[in-house]
C-alpha atoms as a PDB file:
ATOM      1  CA  MET A   1       0.749 -20.299 -21.737  1.00  0.00           C
ATOM      2  CA  GLU A   2       0.759 -16.548 -21.855  1.00  0.00           C
ATOM      3  CA  ASP A   3       2.126 -14.484 -18.848  1.00  0.00           C
ATOM      4  CA  GLU A   4      -0.648 -12.486 -17.207  1.00  0.00           C
ATOM      5  CA  GLN A   5       0.001  -8.924 -16.092  1.00  0.00           C
ATOM      6  CA  PHE A   6      -1.502  -7.234 -13.160  1.00  0.00           C
ATOM      7  CA  VAL A   7      -1.779  -3.662 -11.701  1.00  0.00           C
ATOM      8  CA  ILE A   8      -1.002  -4.122  -7.999  1.00  0.00           C
ATOM      9  CA  PHE A   9      -2.446  -1.473  -5.349  1.00  0.00           C
ATOM     10  CA  ASP A  10      -2.554  -1.446  -1.497  1.00  0.00           C
ATOM     11  CA  LEU A  11      -5.851  -1.480   0.421  1.00  0.00           C
ATOM     12  CA  GLY A  12      -5.312  -1.507   4.164  1.00  0.00           C
ATOM     13  CA  CYS A  13      -2.452  -3.784   4.837  1.00  0.00           C
ATOM     14  CA  GLU A  14      -3.217  -6.002   1.915  1.00  0.00           C
ATOM     15  CA  GLN A  15      -2.048  -5.886  -1.757  1.00  0.00           C
ATOM     16  CA  TYR A  16      -4.629  -6.449  -4.413  1.00  0.00           C
ATOM     17  CA  GLY A  17      -4.242  -6.842  -8.107  1.00  0.00           C
ATOM     18  CA  VAL A  18      -6.406  -6.055 -11.281  1.00  0.00           C
ATOM     19  CA  GLU A  19      -5.683  -7.688 -14.761  1.00  0.00           C
ATOM     20  CA  ILE A  20      -3.889  -5.048 -16.711  1.00  0.00           C
ATOM     21  CA  SER A  21      -6.359  -5.622 -19.546  1.00  0.00           C
ATOM     22  CA  GLN A  22      -9.085  -4.164 -17.357  1.00  0.00           C
ATOM     23  CA  VAL A  23      -7.076  -0.916 -16.616  1.00  0.00           C
ATOM     24  CA  ARG A  24      -7.551   1.848 -18.885  1.00  0.00           C
ATOM     25  CA  GLU A  25      -4.921   4.260 -17.277  1.00  0.00           C
ATOM     26  CA  ILE A  26      -3.484   5.432 -14.083  1.00  0.00           C
ATOM     27  CA  ILE A  27      -3.587   9.209 -13.546  1.00  0.00           C
ATOM     28  CA  ARG A  28      -2.557  11.692 -10.851  1.00  0.00           C
ATOM     29  CA  PRO A  29      -5.401  13.195  -8.751  1.00  0.00           C
ATOM     30  CA  LYS A  30      -6.832  16.326 -10.400  1.00  0.00           C
ATOM     31  CA  ASP A  31      -9.012  19.123  -8.926  1.00  0.00           C
ATOM     32  CA  MET A  32     -12.233  17.359  -7.906  1.00  0.00           C
ATOM     33  CA  THR A  33     -15.653  18.968  -7.499  1.00  0.00           C
ATOM     34  CA  ARG A  34     -17.275  17.614  -4.265  1.00  0.00           C
ATOM     35  CA  ILE A  35     -20.999  16.353  -4.426  1.00  0.00           C
ATOM     36  CA  PRO A  36     -23.109  17.556  -1.499  1.00  0.00           C
ATOM     37  CA  ASN A  37     -24.780  14.759   0.377  1.00  0.00           C
ATOM     38  CA  ALA A  38     -22.836  12.085  -1.360  1.00  0.00           C
ATOM     39  CA  PRO A  39     -21.835   8.916   0.664  1.00  0.00           C
ATOM     40  CA  ASP A  40     -18.547   9.418   2.344  1.00  0.00           C
ATOM     41  CA  TYR A  41     -16.643   7.050   0.045  1.00  0.00           C
ATOM     42  CA  VAL A  42     -17.607   9.242  -2.976  1.00  0.00           C
ATOM     43  CA  GLU A  43     -14.674  11.827  -3.121  1.00  0.00           C
ATOM     44  CA  GLY A  44     -16.178  13.922  -6.018  1.00  0.00           C
ATOM     45  CA  VAL A  45     -16.215  14.129  -9.845  1.00  0.00           C
ATOM     46  CA  ILE A  46     -13.563  15.246 -12.233  1.00  0.00           C
ATOM     47  CA  ASN A  47     -13.550  16.047 -15.946  1.00  0.00           C
ATOM     48  CA  LEU A  48     -11.712  13.355 -17.618  1.00  0.00           C
ATOM     49  CA  ARG A  49     -11.204  14.435 -21.281  1.00  0.00           C
ATOM     50  CA  GLY A  50     -14.759  15.740 -21.454  1.00  0.00           C
ATOM     51  CA  GLN A  51     -16.455  12.958 -19.582  1.00  0.00           C
ATOM     52  CA  VAL A  52     -17.745  13.758 -16.002  1.00  0.00           C
ATOM     53  CA  THR A  53     -16.361  10.861 -13.878  1.00  0.00           C
ATOM     54  CA  THR A  54     -17.096  10.035 -10.227  1.00  0.00           C
ATOM     55  CA  ILE A  55     -14.037   9.346  -7.929  1.00  0.00           C
ATOM     56  CA  ILE A  56     -14.575   6.606  -5.455  1.00  0.00           C
ATOM     57  CA  ASN A  57     -12.291   5.760  -2.455  1.00  0.00           C
ATOM     58  CA  LEU A  58     -12.269   2.119  -2.639  1.00  0.00           C
ATOM     59  CA  GLY A  59     -10.552   1.676   0.682  1.00  0.00           C
ATOM     60  CA  ARG A  60     -13.170   3.937   2.332  1.00  0.00           C
ATOM     61  CA  ARG A  61     -15.917   1.970   0.700  1.00  0.00           C
ATOM     62  CA  LEU A  62     -14.604  -1.291   2.032  1.00  0.00           C
ATOM     63  CA  GLY A  63     -14.171   0.035   5.524  1.00  0.00           C
ATOM     64  CA  PHE A  64     -10.283   0.386   5.558  1.00  0.00           C
ATOM     65  CA  PRO A  65      -8.842   3.346   7.372  1.00  0.00           C
ATOM     66  CA  ASP A  66      -7.837   6.229   5.325  1.00  0.00           C
ATOM     67  CA  LYS A  67      -4.152   6.545   4.037  1.00  0.00           C
ATOM     68  CA  GLU A  68      -2.176   8.812   1.656  1.00  0.00           C
ATOM     69  CA  LYS A  69      -3.311   8.455  -1.909  1.00  0.00           C
ATOM     70  CA  ASP A  70      -1.583   9.404  -4.949  1.00  0.00           C
ATOM     71  CA  LYS A  71      -3.107   7.723  -8.012  1.00  0.00           C
ATOM     72  CA  ILE A  72      -6.373   7.198  -9.707  1.00  0.00           C
ATOM     73  CA  LYS A  73      -6.874   3.878 -11.472  1.00  0.00           C
ATOM     74  CA  VAL A  74      -9.261   4.055 -14.259  1.00  0.00           C
ATOM     75  CA  THR A  75     -10.813   0.590 -15.213  1.00  0.00           C
ATOM     76  CA  LYS A  76     -13.386  -0.468 -17.748  1.00  0.00           C
ATOM     77  CA  LYS A  77     -16.606  -1.819 -16.277  1.00  0.00           C
ATOM     78  CA  SER A  78     -18.400  -2.088 -19.567  1.00  0.00           C
ATOM     79  CA  SER A  79     -18.134  -0.803 -23.127  1.00  0.00           C
ATOM     80  CA  ASN A  80     -19.360   2.772 -22.363  1.00  0.00           C
ATOM     81  CA  MET A  81     -18.788   3.010 -18.489  1.00  0.00           C
ATOM     82  CA  LEU A  82     -15.577   3.603 -16.607  1.00  0.00           C
ATOM     83  CA  ASN A  83     -14.971   2.757 -12.927  1.00  0.00           C
ATOM     84  CA  ILE A  84     -12.623   5.267 -11.184  1.00  0.00           C
ATOM     85  CA  THR A  85     -10.790   4.358  -7.987  1.00  0.00           C
ATOM     86  CA  ARG A  86      -8.439   6.238  -5.861  1.00  0.00           C
ATOM     87  CA  THR A  87      -5.873   4.007  -4.132  1.00  0.00           C
ATOM     88  CA  SER A  88      -2.388   3.908  -3.038  1.00  0.00           C
ATOM     89  CA  PHE A  89       0.066   2.226  -5.491  1.00  0.00           C
END
């Protein structure tokens, strides 16, 4: 049996994990461009190596109170799409 590896992150007072094979990379926050009239959980967009990518605050999306964020997790959603989530690690 193979060992499974997970990226662990905090949401609220709980810890969650995502299989490491689903995480493309973890990056430090970059300058974001805000999107007018976007939902409050959409923090903005960044240019990630030429691809305009939406940053979503997963904690806020799920109704958790805001807390300090210091990393952005880039996960694979499908073969040509990325899911970008800003969380605390």
